[in-house]
């Protein structure tokens, strides 16, 4: 049976062991390994969020005025589309959606804000119909991904948008 001293007797084994221990220690200490942030400076601005993103959304919607509504009062919602952020606080998007099995298409646009901590919000106007929706989001993976949640009462919907 070979012991650890047998393996450490090979040329370079001790150097390799020290290198592995050092790499694990540096990662644990938060040194050389970079932290994940939406922006290299760790501060996000409107300009951080710009470009076109493909997105998917899913969740449930209810028209019930009694909230929290029972699960039976909710209808399934899902969509896919493309959203473009202009880097100055405006967005435009189009999607195809399923609302309780009814398929449709729409466009929407509106203003968005980005906070220094890489969170933000948007208010969207939908067409056809002219309805509005309110959403919060967080930028992820150096602003290559946007994770969104609907904020209006009666909605339990999340979206993920990935930079194209």
C-alpha atoms as a PDB file:
ATOM      1  CA  UNK A   1       0.000   0.000   0.000  1.00  0.00           C
ATOM      2  CA  UNK A   2       1.394   3.376  -1.029  1.00  0.00           C
ATOM      3  CA  UNK A   3       1.360   6.255   1.409  1.00  0.00           C
ATOM      4  CA  UNK A   4       1.232  10.004   0.811  1.00  0.00           C
ATOM      5  CA  UNK A   5       4.976  10.187   1.427  1.00  0.00           C
ATOM      6  CA  UNK A   6       5.485   7.861  -1.544  1.00  0.00           C
ATOM      7  CA  UNK A   7       3.635  10.269  -3.861  1.00  0.00           C
ATOM      8  CA  UNK A   8       5.348  13.318  -2.396  1.00  0.00           C
ATOM      9  CA  UNK A   9       8.690  11.671  -3.187  1.00  0.00           C
ATOM     10  CA  UNK A  10       8.108  12.161  -6.926  1.00  0.00           C
ATOM     11  CA  UNK A  11       9.749  15.227  -8.489  1.00  0.00           C
ATOM     12  CA  UNK A  12       7.322  18.129  -8.648  1.00  0.00           C
ATOM     13  CA  UNK A  13       4.671  16.535  -6.424  1.00  0.00           C
ATOM     14  CA  UNK A  14       5.349  18.869  -3.509  1.00  0.00           C
ATOM     15  CA  UNK A  15       5.301  21.898  -5.842  1.00  0.00           C
ATOM     16  CA  UNK A  16       1.952  20.747  -7.288  1.00  0.00           C
ATOM     17  CA  UNK A  17       0.482  20.201  -3.815  1.00  0.00           C
ATOM     18  CA  UNK A  18       1.561  23.677  -2.686  1.00  0.00           C
ATOM     19  CA  UNK A  19       0.120  25.222  -5.876  1.00  0.00           C
ATOM     20  CA  UNK A  20      -3.265  23.523  -5.346  1.00  0.00           C
ATOM     21  CA  UNK A  21      -3.442  24.530  -1.681  1.00  0.00           C
ATOM     22  CA  UNK A  22      -2.456  28.108  -2.551  1.00  0.00           C
ATOM     23  CA  UNK A  23      -5.078  28.319  -5.338  1.00  0.00           C
ATOM     24  CA  UNK A  24      -7.823  27.046  -3.016  1.00  0.00           C
ATOM     25  CA  UNK A  25      -6.744  29.427  -0.256  1.00  0.00           C
ATOM     26  CA  UNK A  26      -6.687  32.459  -2.593  1.00  0.00           C
ATOM     27  CA  UNK A  27     -10.155  31.567  -3.934  1.00  0.00           C
ATOM     28  CA  UNK A  28     -11.477  31.129  -0.361  1.00  0.00           C
ATOM     29  CA  UNK A  29      -9.986  34.454   0.708  1.00  0.00           C
ATOM     30  CA  UNK A  30     -11.564  36.251  -2.265  1.00  0.00           C
ATOM     31  CA  UNK A  31      -8.221  37.360  -3.650  1.00  0.00           C
ATOM     32  CA  UNK A  32      -7.166  36.750  -7.226  1.00  0.00           C
ATOM     33  CA  UNK A  33     -10.474  35.154  -8.355  1.00  0.00           C
ATOM     34  CA  UNK A  34     -12.722  37.989  -9.623  1.00  0.00           C
ATOM     35  CA  UNK A  35     -16.147  38.646  -8.135  1.00  0.00           C
ATOM     36  CA  UNK A  36     -19.174  38.335 -10.405  1.00  0.00           C
ATOM     37  CA  UNK A  37     -20.739  41.730 -11.107  1.00  0.00           C
ATOM     38  CA  UNK A  38     -22.895  43.157 -13.839  1.00  0.00           C
ATOM     39  CA  UNK A  39     -20.332  45.857 -14.563  1.00  0.00           C
ATOM     40  CA  UNK A  40     -16.539  45.729 -14.280  1.00  0.00           C
ATOM     41  CA  UNK A  41     -16.545  48.766 -11.975  1.00  0.00           C
ATOM     42  CA  UNK A  42     -19.255  47.251  -9.778  1.00  0.00           C
ATOM     43  CA  UNK A  43     -21.499  50.256 -10.461  1.00  0.00           C
ATOM     44  CA  UNK A  44     -24.292  50.081 -13.021  1.00  0.00           C
ATOM     45  CA  UNK A  45     -25.816  52.957 -15.012  1.00  0.00           C
ATOM     46  CA  UNK A  46     -28.365  53.304 -17.795  1.00  0.00           C
ATOM     47  CA  UNK A  47     -25.531  52.712 -20.274  1.00  0.00           C
ATOM     48  CA  UNK A  48     -24.809  49.343 -18.656  1.00  0.00           C
ATOM     49  CA  UNK A  49     -28.125  48.053 -19.992  1.00  0.00           C
ATOM     50  CA  UNK A  50     -28.158  48.446 -23.759  1.00  0.00           C
ATOM     51  CA  UNK A  51     -28.582  46.214 -26.778  1.00  0.00           C
ATOM     52  CA  UNK A  52     -30.979  43.467 -27.825  1.00  0.00           C
ATOM     53  CA  UNK A  53     -31.931  40.566 -25.585  1.00  0.00           C
ATOM     54  CA  UNK A  54     -33.954  37.436 -26.297  1.00  0.00           C
ATOM     55  CA  UNK A  55     -36.332  36.628 -23.442  1.00  0.00           C
ATOM     56  CA  UNK A  56     -38.714  34.029 -22.069  1.00  0.00           C
ATOM     57  CA  UNK A  57     -41.323  34.533 -19.392  1.00  0.00           C
ATOM     58  CA  UNK A  58     -43.626  32.289 -17.459  1.00  0.00           C
ATOM     59  CA  UNK A  59     -45.968  32.345 -14.548  1.00  0.00           C
ATOM     60  CA  UNK A  60     -49.568  32.817 -13.550  1.00  0.00           C
ATOM     61  CA  UNK A  61     -52.091  35.658 -13.728  1.00  0.00           C
ATOM     62  CA  UNK A  62     -55.426  36.122 -11.965  1.00  0.00           C
ATOM     63  CA  UNK A  63     -58.243  38.594 -12.405  1.00  0.00           C
ATOM     64  CA  UNK A  64     -59.457  37.935  -8.870  1.00  0.00           C
ATOM     65  CA  UNK A  65     -59.822  40.984  -6.656  1.00  0.00           C
ATOM     66  CA  UNK A  66     -59.418  38.832  -3.544  1.00  0.00           C
ATOM     67  CA  UNK A  67     -55.684  38.513  -2.978  1.00  0.00           C
ATOM     68  CA  UNK A  68     -53.991  36.282  -2.221  1.00  0.00           C
ATOM     69  CA  UNK A  69     -56.119  34.353  -4.711  1.00  0.00           C
ATOM     70  CA  UNK A  70     -56.488  30.578  -4.580  1.00  0.00           C
ATOM     71  CA  UNK A  71     -54.402  28.667  -7.124  1.00  0.00           C
ATOM     72  CA  UNK A  72     -57.534  27.743  -9.080  1.00  0.00           C
ATOM     73  CA  UNK A  73     -58.122  31.443  -9.858  1.00  0.00           C
ATOM     74  CA  UNK A  74     -54.866  31.719 -11.808  1.00  0.00           C
ATOM     75  CA  UNK A  75     -54.305  31.252 -15.550  1.00  0.00           C
ATOM     76  CA  UNK A  76     -50.982  30.109 -17.028  1.00  0.00           C
ATOM     77  CA  UNK A  77     -48.921  32.744 -18.879  1.00  0.00           C
ATOM     78  CA  UNK A  78     -45.827  32.229 -21.047  1.00  0.00           C
ATOM     79  CA  UNK A  79     -44.040  34.287 -23.688  1.00  0.00           C
ATOM     80  CA  UNK A  80     -40.924  34.680 -25.820  1.00  0.00           C
ATOM     81  CA  UNK A  81     -39.606  37.745 -27.590  1.00  0.00           C
ATOM     82  CA  UNK A  82     -36.897  40.304 -28.155  1.00  0.00           C
ATOM     83  CA  UNK A  83     -36.353  43.485 -26.142  1.00  0.00           C
ATOM     84  CA  UNK A  84     -33.961  46.298 -27.045  1.00  0.00           C
ATOM     85  CA  UNK A  85     -32.600  48.710 -24.426  1.00  0.00           C
ATOM     86  CA  UNK A  86     -31.178  51.979 -25.803  1.00  0.00           C
ATOM     87  CA  UNK A  87     -28.760  52.721 -22.924  1.00  0.00           C
ATOM     88  CA  UNK A  88     -30.598  56.001 -22.253  1.00  0.00           C
ATOM     89  CA  UNK A  89     -33.602  54.665 -20.331  1.00  0.00           C
ATOM     90  CA  UNK A  90     -35.959  53.538 -23.108  1.00  0.00           C
ATOM     91  CA  UNK A  91     -36.869  50.070 -24.327  1.00  0.00           C
ATOM     92  CA  UNK A  92     -38.910  48.548 -27.129  1.00  0.00           C
ATOM     93  CA  UNK A  93     -39.988  44.909 -27.426  1.00  0.00           C
ATOM     94  CA  UNK A  94     -42.216  42.454 -29.228  1.00  0.00           C
ATOM     95  CA  UNK A  95     -43.335  39.007 -28.186  1.00  0.00           C
ATOM     96  CA  UNK A  96     -45.569  36.034 -28.811  1.00  0.00           C
ATOM     97  CA  UNK A  97     -47.520  34.946 -25.741  1.00  0.00           C
ATOM     98  CA  UNK A  98     -49.847  32.255 -24.452  1.00  0.00           C
ATOM     99  CA  UNK A  99     -52.444  33.483 -21.973  1.00  0.00           C
ATOM    100  CA  UNK A 100     -54.377  30.519 -20.668  1.00  0.00           C
ATOM    101  CA  UNK A 101     -53.807  28.810 -24.012  1.00  0.00           C
ATOM    102  CA  UNK A 102     -54.881  31.801 -26.110  1.00  0.00           C
ATOM    103  CA  UNK A 103     -51.985  32.766 -28.414  1.00  0.00           C
ATOM    104  CA  UNK A 104     -51.276  36.368 -29.320  1.00  0.00           C
ATOM    105  CA  UNK A 105     -48.619  38.867 -30.273  1.00  0.00           C
ATOM    106  CA  UNK A 106     -47.926  42.320 -28.904  1.00  0.00           C
ATOM    107  CA  UNK A 107     -45.393  45.085 -28.728  1.00  0.00           C
ATOM    108  CA  UNK A 108     -44.483  47.112 -25.684  1.00  0.00           C
ATOM    109  CA  UNK A 109     -42.246  49.994 -24.773  1.00  0.00           C
ATOM    110  CA  UNK A 110     -41.451  52.287 -21.902  1.00  0.00           C
ATOM    111  CA  UNK A 111     -38.839  53.800 -19.648  1.00  0.00           C
ATOM    112  CA  UNK A 112     -36.413  51.912 -17.445  1.00  0.00           C
ATOM    113  CA  UNK A 113     -34.077  52.911 -14.626  1.00  0.00           C
ATOM    114  CA  UNK A 114     -30.839  51.289 -13.472  1.00  0.00           C
ATOM    115  CA  UNK A 115     -29.519  51.668  -9.928  1.00  0.00           C
ATOM    116  CA  UNK A 116     -25.805  51.637  -9.014  1.00  0.00           C
ATOM    117  CA  UNK A 117     -26.256  48.168  -7.441  1.00  0.00           C
ATOM    118  CA  UNK A 118     -27.391  46.787 -10.842  1.00  0.00           C
ATOM    119  CA  UNK A 119     -31.077  46.544  -9.961  1.00  0.00           C
ATOM    120  CA  UNK A 120     -33.729  48.539 -11.752  1.00  0.00           C
ATOM    121  CA  UNK A 121     -37.345  48.989 -12.720  1.00  0.00           C
ATOM    122  CA  UNK A 122     -39.474  49.597 -15.791  1.00  0.00           C
ATOM    123  CA  UNK A 123     -43.014  50.659 -16.629  1.00  0.00           C
ATOM    124  CA  UNK A 124     -44.271  49.222 -19.894  1.00  0.00           C
ATOM    125  CA  UNK A 125     -47.201  50.129 -22.147  1.00  0.00           C
ATOM    126  CA  UNK A 126     -48.597  47.259 -24.231  1.00  0.00           C
ATOM    127  CA  UNK A 127     -50.113  47.394 -27.704  1.00  0.00           C
ATOM    128  CA  UNK A 128     -52.715  46.476 -28.712  1.00  0.00           C
ATOM    129  CA  UNK A 129     -54.754  47.300 -25.660  1.00  0.00           C
ATOM    130  CA  UNK A 130     -52.759  50.102 -24.071  1.00  0.00           C
ATOM    131  CA  UNK A 131     -52.417  48.362 -20.708  1.00  0.00           C
ATOM    132  CA  UNK A 132     -49.427  49.070 -18.476  1.00  0.00           C
ATOM    133  CA  UNK A 133     -47.237  46.849 -16.341  1.00  0.00           C
ATOM    134  CA  UNK A 134     -44.618  47.469 -13.655  1.00  0.00           C
ATOM    135  CA  UNK A 135     -41.499  45.352 -13.289  1.00  0.00           C
ATOM    136  CA  UNK A 136     -38.300  45.140 -11.228  1.00  0.00           C
ATOM    137  CA  UNK A 137     -35.092  43.549 -12.476  1.00  0.00           C
ATOM    138  CA  UNK A 138     -31.508  42.685 -11.661  1.00  0.00           C
ATOM    139  CA  UNK A 139     -28.605  42.562 -14.107  1.00  0.00           C
ATOM    140  CA  UNK A 140     -26.528  39.400 -14.014  1.00  0.00           C
ATOM    141  CA  UNK A 141     -23.401  37.997 -15.698  1.00  0.00           C
ATOM    142  CA  UNK A 142     -21.807  41.360 -16.517  1.00  0.00           C
ATOM    143  CA  UNK A 143     -25.144  42.698 -17.869  1.00  0.00           C
ATOM    144  CA  UNK A 144     -25.469  39.829 -20.354  1.00  0.00           C
ATOM    145  CA  UNK A 145     -28.609  38.661 -18.551  1.00  0.00           C
ATOM    146  CA  UNK A 146     -31.612  40.463 -17.068  1.00  0.00           C
ATOM    147  CA  UNK A 147     -33.861  38.724 -14.521  1.00  0.00           C
ATOM    148  CA  UNK A 148     -37.295  40.350 -14.213  1.00  0.00           C
ATOM    149  CA  UNK A 149     -40.365  40.019 -11.973  1.00  0.00           C
ATOM    150  CA  UNK A 150     -43.825  41.489 -12.546  1.00  0.00           C
ATOM    151  CA  UNK A 151     -44.917  43.771  -9.670  1.00  0.00           C
ATOM    152  CA  UNK A 152     -48.607  44.287 -10.385  1.00  0.00           C
ATOM    153  CA  UNK A 153     -51.177  42.636  -8.094  1.00  0.00           C
ATOM    154  CA  UNK A 154     -52.539  39.333  -9.356  1.00  0.00           C
ATOM    155  CA  UNK A 155     -49.389  38.376 -11.268  1.00  0.00           C
ATOM    156  CA  UNK A 156     -46.758  35.786 -10.444  1.00  0.00           C
ATOM    157  CA  UNK A 157     -44.553  36.075 -13.545  1.00  0.00           C
ATOM    158  CA  UNK A 158     -40.787  36.050 -14.024  1.00  0.00           C
ATOM    159  CA  UNK A 159     -38.715  36.653 -17.164  1.00  0.00           C
ATOM    160  CA  UNK A 160     -35.115  35.991 -18.133  1.00  0.00           C
ATOM    161  CA  UNK A 161     -33.538  37.986 -20.960  1.00  0.00           C
ATOM    162  CA  UNK A 162     -30.165  37.033 -22.446  1.00  0.00           C
ATOM    163  CA  UNK A 163     -28.036  39.386 -24.594  1.00  0.00           C
ATOM    164  CA  UNK A 164     -28.030  38.397 -28.261  1.00  0.00           C
END
